[in-house]
Amino acid sequence: MYVCSCRAVTEARVDRLIREGARDARELIRRLGIDARENCGVCLRDPEWLFARLRAQGDADAARARQNEARSATLNSQGVER
């Protein structure tokens, strides 16, 4: 789905940039090339969509970290070296 029609920005592109390391809305906006002075700016009037994407990625990262910790603890308790 498009989140910015002027720059043809899709949710998938936003998610990819987050996976590649964009960690805040300002960096995402810069990397996406969104500029309310040059474009309509509708997508920037309510940037909650950016924050929601960032939160979702943060939640996914935290869940992965917990899974990795649990896996390591299980392997260590079984005496398995990694």
PDB file of N, CA and C in Angstrom:
ATOM      1  N   MET A   1       0.834  -1.165   0.000  1.00  0.00           N
ATOM      2  CA  MET A   1       0.000   0.000   0.000  1.00  0.00           C
ATOM      3  C   MET A   1       0.892   1.245   0.000  1.00  0.00           C
ATOM      4  N   TYR A   2       0.440   2.259  -0.700  1.00  0.00           N
ATOM      5  CA  TYR A   2       1.187   3.512  -0.752  1.00  0.00           C
ATOM      6  C   TYR A   2       0.911   4.347   0.496  1.00  0.00           C
ATOM      7  N   VAL A   3       1.977   4.901   1.067  1.00  0.00           N
ATOM      8  CA  VAL A   3       1.841   5.804   2.214  1.00  0.00           C
ATOM      9  C   VAL A   3       2.138   7.239   1.809  1.00  0.00           C
ATOM     10  N   CYS A   4       2.752   7.411   0.646  1.00  0.00           N
ATOM     11  CA  CYS A   4       3.025   8.741   0.109  1.00  0.00           C
ATOM     12  C   CYS A   4       2.895   8.652  -1.405  1.00  0.00           C
ATOM     13  N   SER A   5       1.826   9.273  -1.930  1.00  0.00           N
ATOM     14  CA  SER A   5       1.610   9.182  -3.370  1.00  0.00           C
ATOM     15  C   SER A   5       2.569  10.042  -4.172  1.00  0.00           C
ATOM     16  N   CYS A   6       2.937  11.198  -3.627  1.00  0.00           N
ATOM     17  CA  CYS A   6       3.826  12.110  -4.367  1.00  0.00           C
ATOM     18  C   CYS A   6       5.168  11.454  -4.688  1.00  0.00           C
ATOM     19  N   ARG A   7       5.701  10.714  -3.727  1.00  0.00           N
ATOM     20  CA  ARG A   7       7.010  10.078  -3.893  1.00  0.00           C
ATOM     21  C   ARG A   7       6.900   8.585  -4.146  1.00  0.00           C
ATOM     22  N   ALA A   8       5.675   8.079  -4.323  1.00  0.00           N
ATOM     23  CA  ALA A   8       5.430   6.652  -4.578  1.00  0.00           C
ATOM     24  C   ALA A   8       6.095   5.775  -3.526  1.00  0.00           C
ATOM     25  N   VAL A   9       5.923   6.138  -2.270  1.00  0.00           N
ATOM     26  CA  VAL A   9       6.509   5.392  -1.158  1.00  0.00           C
ATOM     27  C   VAL A   9       5.502   4.345  -0.692  1.00  0.00           C
ATOM     28  N   THR A  10       5.952   3.106  -0.653  1.00  0.00           N
ATOM     29  CA  THR A  10       5.091   2.014  -0.206  1.00  0.00           C
ATOM     30  C   THR A  10       5.463   1.590   1.212  1.00  0.00           C
ATOM     31  N   GLU A  11       4.539   0.890   1.862  1.00  0.00           N
ATOM     32  CA  GLU A  11       4.826   0.335   3.182  1.00  0.00           C
ATOM     33  C   GLU A  11       6.035  -0.595   3.114  1.00  0.00           C
ATOM     34  N   ALA A  12       6.129  -1.358   2.041  1.00  0.00           N
ATOM     35  CA  ALA A  12       7.249  -2.296   1.887  1.00  0.00           C
ATOM     36  C   ALA A  12       8.585  -1.554   1.853  1.00  0.00           C
ATOM     37  N   ARG A  13       8.619  -0.415   1.177  1.00  0.00           N
ATOM     38  CA  ARG A  13       9.870   0.362   1.114  1.00  0.00           C
ATOM     39  C   ARG A  13      10.232   0.905   2.495  1.00  0.00           C
ATOM     40  N   VAL A  14       9.235   1.393   3.225  1.00  0.00           N
ATOM     41  CA  VAL A  14       9.476   1.881   4.590  1.00  0.00           C
ATOM     42  C   VAL A  14      10.025   0.749   5.442  1.00  0.00           C
ATOM     43  N   ASP A  15       9.397  -0.422   5.374  1.00  0.00           N
ATOM     44  CA  ASP A  15       9.847  -1.568   6.160  1.00  0.00           C
ATOM     45  C   ASP A  15      11.274  -1.966   5.795  1.00  0.00           C
ATOM     46  N   ARG A  16      11.595  -1.918   4.506  1.00  0.00           N
ATOM     47  CA  ARG A  16      12.959  -2.276   4.072  1.00  0.00           C
ATOM     48  C   ARG A  16      13.987  -1.311   4.661  1.00  0.00           C
ATOM     49  N   LEU A  17      13.676  -0.004   4.629  1.00  0.00           N
ATOM     50  CA  LEU A  17      14.605   0.979   5.182  1.00  0.00           C
ATOM     51  C   LEU A  17      14.785   0.780   6.687  1.00  0.00           C
ATOM     52  N   ILE A  18      13.730   0.411   7.377  1.00  0.00           N
ATOM     53  CA  ILE A  18      13.841   0.144   8.814  1.00  0.00           C
ATOM     54  C   ILE A  18      14.731  -1.067   9.038  1.00  0.00           C
ATOM     55  N   ARG A  19      14.526  -2.122   8.248  1.00  0.00           N
ATOM     56  CA  ARG A  19      15.387  -3.315   8.375  1.00  0.00           C
ATOM     57  C   ARG A  19      16.843  -2.982   8.074  1.00  0.00           C
ATOM     58  N   GLU A  20      17.048  -2.003   7.188  1.00  0.00           N
ATOM     59  CA  GLU A  20      18.415  -1.607   6.816  1.00  0.00           C
ATOM     60  C   GLU A  20      19.027  -0.630   7.813  1.00  0.00           C
ATOM     61  N   GLY A  21      18.284  -0.266   8.868  1.00  0.00           N
ATOM     62  CA  GLY A  21      18.899   0.533   9.916  1.00  0.00           C
ATOM     63  C   GLY A  21      18.278   1.870  10.244  1.00  0.00           C
ATOM     64  N   ALA A  22      17.281   2.332   9.502  1.00  0.00           N
ATOM     65  CA  ALA A  22      16.630   3.604   9.851  1.00  0.00           C
ATOM     66  C   ALA A  22      15.903   3.403  11.176  1.00  0.00           C
ATOM     67  N   ARG A  23      16.204   4.237  12.168  1.00  0.00           N
ATOM     68  CA  ARG A  23      15.668   4.013  13.505  1.00  0.00           C
ATOM     69  C   ARG A  23      14.785   5.120  14.047  1.00  0.00           C
ATOM     70  N   ASP A  24      14.573   6.187  13.278  1.00  0.00           N
ATOM     71  CA  ASP A  24      13.643   7.214  13.741  1.00  0.00           C
ATOM     72  C   ASP A  24      12.956   7.856  12.542  1.00  0.00           C
ATOM     73  N   ALA A  25      11.860   8.559  12.828  1.00  0.00           N
ATOM     74  CA  ALA A  25      11.049   9.135  11.759  1.00  0.00           C
ATOM     75  C   ALA A  25      11.831  10.139  10.931  1.00  0.00           C
ATOM     76  N   ARG A  26      12.664  10.935  11.575  1.00  0.00           N
ATOM     77  CA  ARG A  26      13.442  11.941  10.838  1.00  0.00           C
ATOM     78  C   ARG A  26      14.352  11.283   9.797  1.00  0.00           C
ATOM     79  N   GLU A  27      15.006  10.198  10.199  1.00  0.00           N
ATOM     80  CA  GLU A  27      15.880   9.508   9.251  1.00  0.00           C
ATOM     81  C   GLU A  27      15.071   8.871   8.117  1.00  0.00           C
ATOM     82  N   LEU A  28      13.928   8.281   8.447  1.00  0.00           N
ATOM     83  CA  LEU A  28      13.080   7.697   7.404  1.00  0.00           C
ATOM     84  C   LEU A  28      12.623   8.753   6.411  1.00  0.00           C
ATOM     85  N   ILE A  29      12.162   9.879   6.919  1.00  0.00           N
ATOM     86  CA  ILE A  29      11.691  10.952   6.046  1.00  0.00           C
ATOM     87  C   ILE A  29      12.811  11.419   5.122  1.00  0.00           C
ATOM     88  N   ARG A  30      14.001  11.561   5.683  1.00  0.00           N
ATOM     89  CA  ARG A  30      15.152  11.989   4.870  1.00  0.00           C
ATOM     90  C   ARG A  30      15.475  10.946   3.804  1.00  0.00           C
ATOM     91  N   ARG A  31      15.538   9.674   4.208  1.00  0.00           N
ATOM     92  CA  ARG A  31      15.906   8.623   3.263  1.00  0.00           C
ATOM     93  C   ARG A  31      14.832   8.368   2.206  1.00  0.00           C
ATOM     94  N   LEU A  32      13.585   8.663   2.542  1.00  0.00           N
ATOM     95  CA  LEU A  32      12.497   8.489   1.585  1.00  0.00           C
ATOM     96  C   LEU A  32      12.375   9.667   0.629  1.00  0.00           C
ATOM     97  N   GLY A  33      13.000  10.774   0.973  1.00  0.00           N
ATOM     98  CA  GLY A  33      12.948  11.953   0.123  1.00  0.00           C
ATOM     99  C   GLY A  33      11.640  12.715   0.237  1.00  0.00           C
ATOM    100  N   ILE A  34      10.951  12.530   1.350  1.00  0.00           N
ATOM    101  CA  ILE A  34       9.679  13.227   1.566  1.00  0.00           C
ATOM    102  C   ILE A  34       9.982  14.627   2.073  1.00  0.00           C
ATOM    103  N   ASP A  35       9.409  15.629   1.431  1.00  0.00           N
ATOM    104  CA  ASP A  35       9.640  17.015   1.819  1.00  0.00           C
ATOM    105  C   ASP A  35       8.358  17.803   1.583  1.00  0.00           C
ATOM    106  N   ALA A  36       7.738  18.275   2.651  1.00  0.00           N
ATOM    107  CA  ALA A  36       6.464  18.992   2.535  1.00  0.00           C
ATOM    108  C   ALA A  36       6.607  20.279   1.732  1.00  0.00           C
ATOM    109  N   ARG A  37       7.827  20.798   1.600  1.00  0.00           N
ATOM    110  CA  ARG A  37       8.018  22.017   0.808  1.00  0.00           C
ATOM    111  C   ARG A  37       7.957  21.723  -0.674  1.00  0.00           C
ATOM    112  N   GLU A  38       8.298  20.497  -1.065  1.00  0.00           N
ATOM    113  CA  GLU A  38       8.316  20.138  -2.483  1.00  0.00           C
ATOM    114  C   GLU A  38       7.157  19.243  -2.884  1.00  0.00           C
ATOM    115  N   ASN A  39       6.511  18.608  -1.916  1.00  0.00           N
ATOM    116  CA  ASN A  39       5.409  17.702  -2.193  1.00  0.00           C
ATOM    117  C   ASN A  39       4.178  18.181  -1.432  1.00  0.00           C
ATOM    118  N   CYS A  40       3.091  17.463  -1.547  1.00  0.00           N
ATOM    119  CA  CYS A  40       1.848  17.916  -0.903  1.00  0.00           C
ATOM    120  C   CYS A  40       1.941  17.892   0.616  1.00  0.00           C
ATOM    121  N   GLY A  41       2.718  16.970   1.191  1.00  0.00           N
ATOM    122  CA  GLY A  41       2.916  16.925   2.641  1.00  0.00           C
ATOM    123  C   GLY A  41       1.832  16.223   3.427  1.00  0.00           C
ATOM    124  N   VAL A  42       0.846  15.644   2.752  1.00  0.00           N
ATOM    125  CA  VAL A  42      -0.236  14.965   3.463  1.00  0.00           C
ATOM    126  C   VAL A  42       0.318  13.846   4.352  1.00  0.00           C
ATOM    127  N   CYS A  43       1.277  13.108   3.862  1.00  0.00           N
ATOM    128  CA  CYS A  43       1.823  11.986   4.637  1.00  0.00           C
ATOM    129  C   CYS A  43       2.570  12.462   5.885  1.00  0.00           C
ATOM    130  N   LEU A  44       2.978  13.726   5.913  1.00  0.00           N
ATOM    131  CA  LEU A  44       3.715  14.248   7.060  1.00  0.00           C
ATOM    132  C   LEU A  44       2.812  14.954   8.074  1.00  0.00           C
ATOM    133  N   ARG A  45       1.574  15.199   7.697  1.00  0.00           N
ATOM    134  CA  ARG A  45       0.659  15.864   8.637  1.00  0.00           C
ATOM    135  C   ARG A  45       0.358  14.976   9.829  1.00  0.00           C
ATOM    136  N   ASP A  46       0.341  13.676   9.590  1.00  0.00           N
ATOM    137  CA  ASP A  46       0.113  12.714  10.668  1.00  0.00           C
ATOM    138  C   ASP A  46       1.143  11.597  10.510  1.00  0.00           C
ATOM    139  N   PRO A  47       2.345  11.802  11.041  1.00  0.00           N
ATOM    140  CA  PRO A  47       3.421  10.817  10.831  1.00  0.00           C
ATOM    141  C   PRO A  47       3.270   9.559  11.673  1.00  0.00           C
ATOM    142  N   GLU A  48       2.081   9.348  12.255  1.00  0.00           N
ATOM    143  CA  GLU A  48       1.874   8.154  13.074  1.00  0.00           C
ATOM    144  C   GLU A  48       2.171   6.872  12.293  1.00  0.00           C
ATOM    145  N   TRP A  49       1.934   6.870  10.987  1.00  0.00           N
ATOM    146  CA  TRP A  49       2.225   5.671  10.194  1.00  0.00           C
ATOM    147  C   TRP A  49       3.699   5.324  10.261  1.00  0.00           C
ATOM    148  N   LEU A  50       4.580   6.345  10.312  1.00  0.00           N
ATOM    149  CA  LEU A  50       6.020   6.070  10.440  1.00  0.00           C
ATOM    150  C   LEU A  50       6.339   5.499  11.816  1.00  0.00           C
ATOM    151  N   PHE A  51       5.763   6.106  12.847  1.00  0.00           N
ATOM    152  CA  PHE A  51       6.029   5.634  14.208  1.00  0.00           C
ATOM    153  C   PHE A  51       5.496   4.215  14.402  1.00  0.00           C
ATOM    154  N   ALA A  52       4.343   3.924  13.803  1.00  0.00           N
ATOM    155  CA  ALA A  52       3.782   2.575  13.912  1.00  0.00           C
ATOM    156  C   ALA A  52       4.720   1.559  13.271  1.00  0.00           C
ATOM    157  N   ARG A  53       5.272   1.908  12.124  1.00  0.00           N
ATOM    158  CA  ARG A  53       6.218   1.004  11.451  1.00  0.00           C
ATOM    159  C   ARG A  53       7.484   0.820  12.291  1.00  0.00           C
ATOM    160  N   LEU A  54       8.002   1.905  12.851  1.00  0.00           N
ATOM    161  CA  LEU A  54       9.196   1.817  13.683  1.00  0.00           C
ATOM    162  C   LEU A  54       8.929   0.966  14.924  1.00  0.00           C
ATOM    163  N   ARG A  55       7.763   1.170  15.561  1.00  0.00           N
ATOM    164  CA  ARG A  55       7.415   0.375  16.746  1.00  0.00           C
ATOM    165  C   ARG A  55       7.296  -1.092  16.396  1.00  0.00           C
ATOM    166  N   ALA A  56       6.652  -1.392  15.274  1.00  0.00           N
ATOM    167  CA  ALA A  56       6.477  -2.780  14.861  1.00  0.00           C
ATOM    168  C   ALA A  56       7.831  -3.452  14.659  1.00  0.00           C
ATOM    169  N   GLN A  57       8.755  -2.741  14.032  1.00  0.00           N
ATOM    170  CA  GLN A  57      10.084  -3.320  13.820  1.00  0.00           C
ATOM    171  C   GLN A  57      10.810  -3.499  15.144  1.00  0.00           C
ATOM    172  N   GLY A  58      10.680  -2.524  16.036  1.00  0.00           N
ATOM    173  CA  GLY A  58      11.301  -2.645  17.361  1.00  0.00           C
ATOM    174  C   GLY A  58      10.743  -3.827  18.128  1.00  0.00           C
ATOM    175  N   ASP A  59       9.430  -4.030  18.048  1.00  0.00           N
ATOM    176  CA  ASP A  59       8.804  -5.175  18.713  1.00  0.00           C
ATOM    177  C   ASP A  59       9.314  -6.482  18.118  1.00  0.00           C
ATOM    178  N   ALA A  60       9.440  -6.535  16.804  1.00  0.00           N
ATOM    179  CA  ALA A  60       9.943  -7.743  16.138  1.00  0.00           C
ATOM    180  C   ALA A  60      11.393  -8.010  16.535  1.00  0.00           C
ATOM    181  N   ASP A  61      12.212  -6.956  16.603  1.00  0.00           N
ATOM    182  CA  ASP A  61      13.611  -7.113  17.017  1.00  0.00           C
ATOM    183  C   ASP A  61      13.692  -7.642  18.445  1.00  0.00           C
ATOM    184  N   ALA A  62      12.854  -7.113  19.338  1.00  0.00           N
ATOM    185  CA  ALA A  62      12.860  -7.551  20.736  1.00  0.00           C
ATOM    186  C   ALA A  62      12.429  -9.013  20.843  1.00  0.00           C
ATOM    187  N   ALA A  63      11.425  -9.402  20.080  1.00  0.00           N
ATOM    188  CA  ALA A  63      10.961 -10.793  20.100  1.00  0.00           C
ATOM    189  C   ALA A  63      12.057 -11.731  19.603  1.00  0.00           C
ATOM    190  N   ARG A  64      12.751 -11.330  18.536  1.00  0.00           N
ATOM    191  CA  ARG A  64      13.865 -12.145  18.027  1.00  0.00           C
ATOM    192  C   ARG A  64      14.976 -12.275  19.069  1.00  0.00           C
ATOM    193  N   ALA A  65      15.280 -11.189  19.749  1.00  0.00           N
ATOM    194  CA  ALA A  65      16.329 -11.216  20.771  1.00  0.00           C
ATOM    195  C   ALA A  65      15.931 -12.172  21.901  1.00  0.00           C
ATOM    196  N   ARG A  66      14.657 -12.126  22.317  1.00  0.00           N
ATOM    197  CA  ARG A  66      14.194 -13.037  23.382  1.00  0.00           C
ATOM    198  C   ARG A  66      14.287 -14.486  22.927  1.00  0.00           C
ATOM    199  N   GLN A  67      13.926 -14.760  21.675  1.00  0.00           N
ATOM    200  CA  GLN A  67      14.006 -16.126  21.152  1.00  0.00           C
ATOM    201  C   GLN A  67      15.449 -16.602  21.117  1.00  0.00           C
ATOM    202  N   ASN A  68      16.358 -15.735  20.688  1.00  0.00           N
ATOM    203  CA  ASN A  68      17.775 -16.106  20.637  1.00  0.00           C
ATOM    204  C   ASN A  68      18.324 -16.372  22.035  1.00  0.00           C
ATOM    205  N   GLU A  69      17.927 -15.554  23.004  1.00  0.00           N
ATOM    206  CA  GLU A  69      18.380 -15.764  24.385  1.00  0.00           C
ATOM    207  C   GLU A  69      17.864 -17.092  24.924  1.00  0.00           C
ATOM    208  N   ALA A  70      16.592 -17.385  24.645  1.00  0.00           N
ATOM    209  CA  ALA A  70      16.004 -18.642  25.113  1.00  0.00           C
ATOM    210  C   ALA A  70      16.700 -19.826  24.458  1.00  0.00           C
ATOM    211  N   ARG A  71      16.986 -19.722  23.172  1.00  0.00           N
ATOM    212  CA  ARG A  71      17.670 -20.796  22.448  1.00  0.00           C
ATOM    213  C   ARG A  71      19.066 -21.013  23.025  1.00  0.00           C
ATOM    214  N   SER A  72      19.776 -19.922  23.289  1.00  0.00           N
ATOM    215  CA  SER A  72      21.122 -20.030  23.869  1.00  0.00           C
ATOM    216  C   SER A  72      21.072 -20.661  25.247  1.00  0.00           C
ATOM    217  N   ALA A  73      20.100 -20.250  26.058  1.00  0.00           N
ATOM    218  CA  ALA A  73      19.975 -20.809  27.408  1.00  0.00           C
ATOM    219  C   ALA A  73      19.687 -22.302  27.342  1.00  0.00           C
ATOM    220  N   THR A  74      18.845 -22.715  26.411  1.00  0.00           N
ATOM    221  CA  THR A  74      18.523 -24.146  26.257  1.00  0.00           C
ATOM    222  C   THR A  74      19.760 -24.911  25.839  1.00  0.00           C
ATOM    223  N   LEU A  75      20.479 -24.392  24.866  1.00  0.00           N
ATOM    224  CA  LEU A  75      21.689 -25.081  24.398  1.00  0.00           C
ATOM    225  C   LEU A  75      22.731 -25.158  25.498  1.00  0.00           C
ATOM    226  N   ASN A  76      22.900 -24.061  26.241  1.00  0.00           N
ATOM    227  CA  ASN A  76      23.870 -24.064  27.346  1.00  0.00           C
ATOM    228  C   ASN A  76      23.488 -25.054  28.419  1.00  0.00           C
ATOM    229  N   SER A  77      22.200 -25.174  28.727  1.00  0.00           N
ATOM    230  CA  SER A  77      21.758 -26.116  29.759  1.00  0.00           C
ATOM    231  C   SER A  77      21.951 -27.554  29.308  1.00  0.00           C
ATOM    232  N   GLN A  78      22.016 -27.764  27.994  1.00  0.00           N
ATOM    233  CA  GLN A  78      22.238 -29.100  27.460  1.00  0.00           C
ATOM    234  C   GLN A  78      23.713 -29.384  27.234  1.00  0.00           C
ATOM    235  N   GLY A  79      24.541 -28.392  27.523  1.00  0.00           N
ATOM    236  CA  GLY A  79      25.978 -28.546  27.351  1.00  0.00           C
ATOM    237  C   GLY A  79      26.440 -28.474  25.917  1.00  0.00           C
ATOM    238  N   VAL A  80      25.643 -27.908  25.054  1.00  0.00           N
ATOM    239  CA  VAL A  80      25.977 -27.800  23.631  1.00  0.00           C
ATOM    240  C   VAL A  80      26.749 -26.509  23.432  1.00  0.00           C
ATOM    241  N   GLU A  81      27.913 -26.628  22.778  1.00  0.00           N
ATOM    242  CA  GLU A  81      28.692 -25.428  22.483  1.00  0.00           C
ATOM    243  C   GLU A  81      28.308 -24.903  21.116  1.00  0.00           C
ATOM    244  N   ARG A  82      28.289 -23.572  21.010  1.00  0.00           N
ATOM    245  CA  ARG A  82      27.920 -22.979  19.726  1.00  0.00           C
ATOM    246  C   ARG A  82      29.128 -22.419  19.063  1.00  0.00           C
TER     247      ARG A  82
END
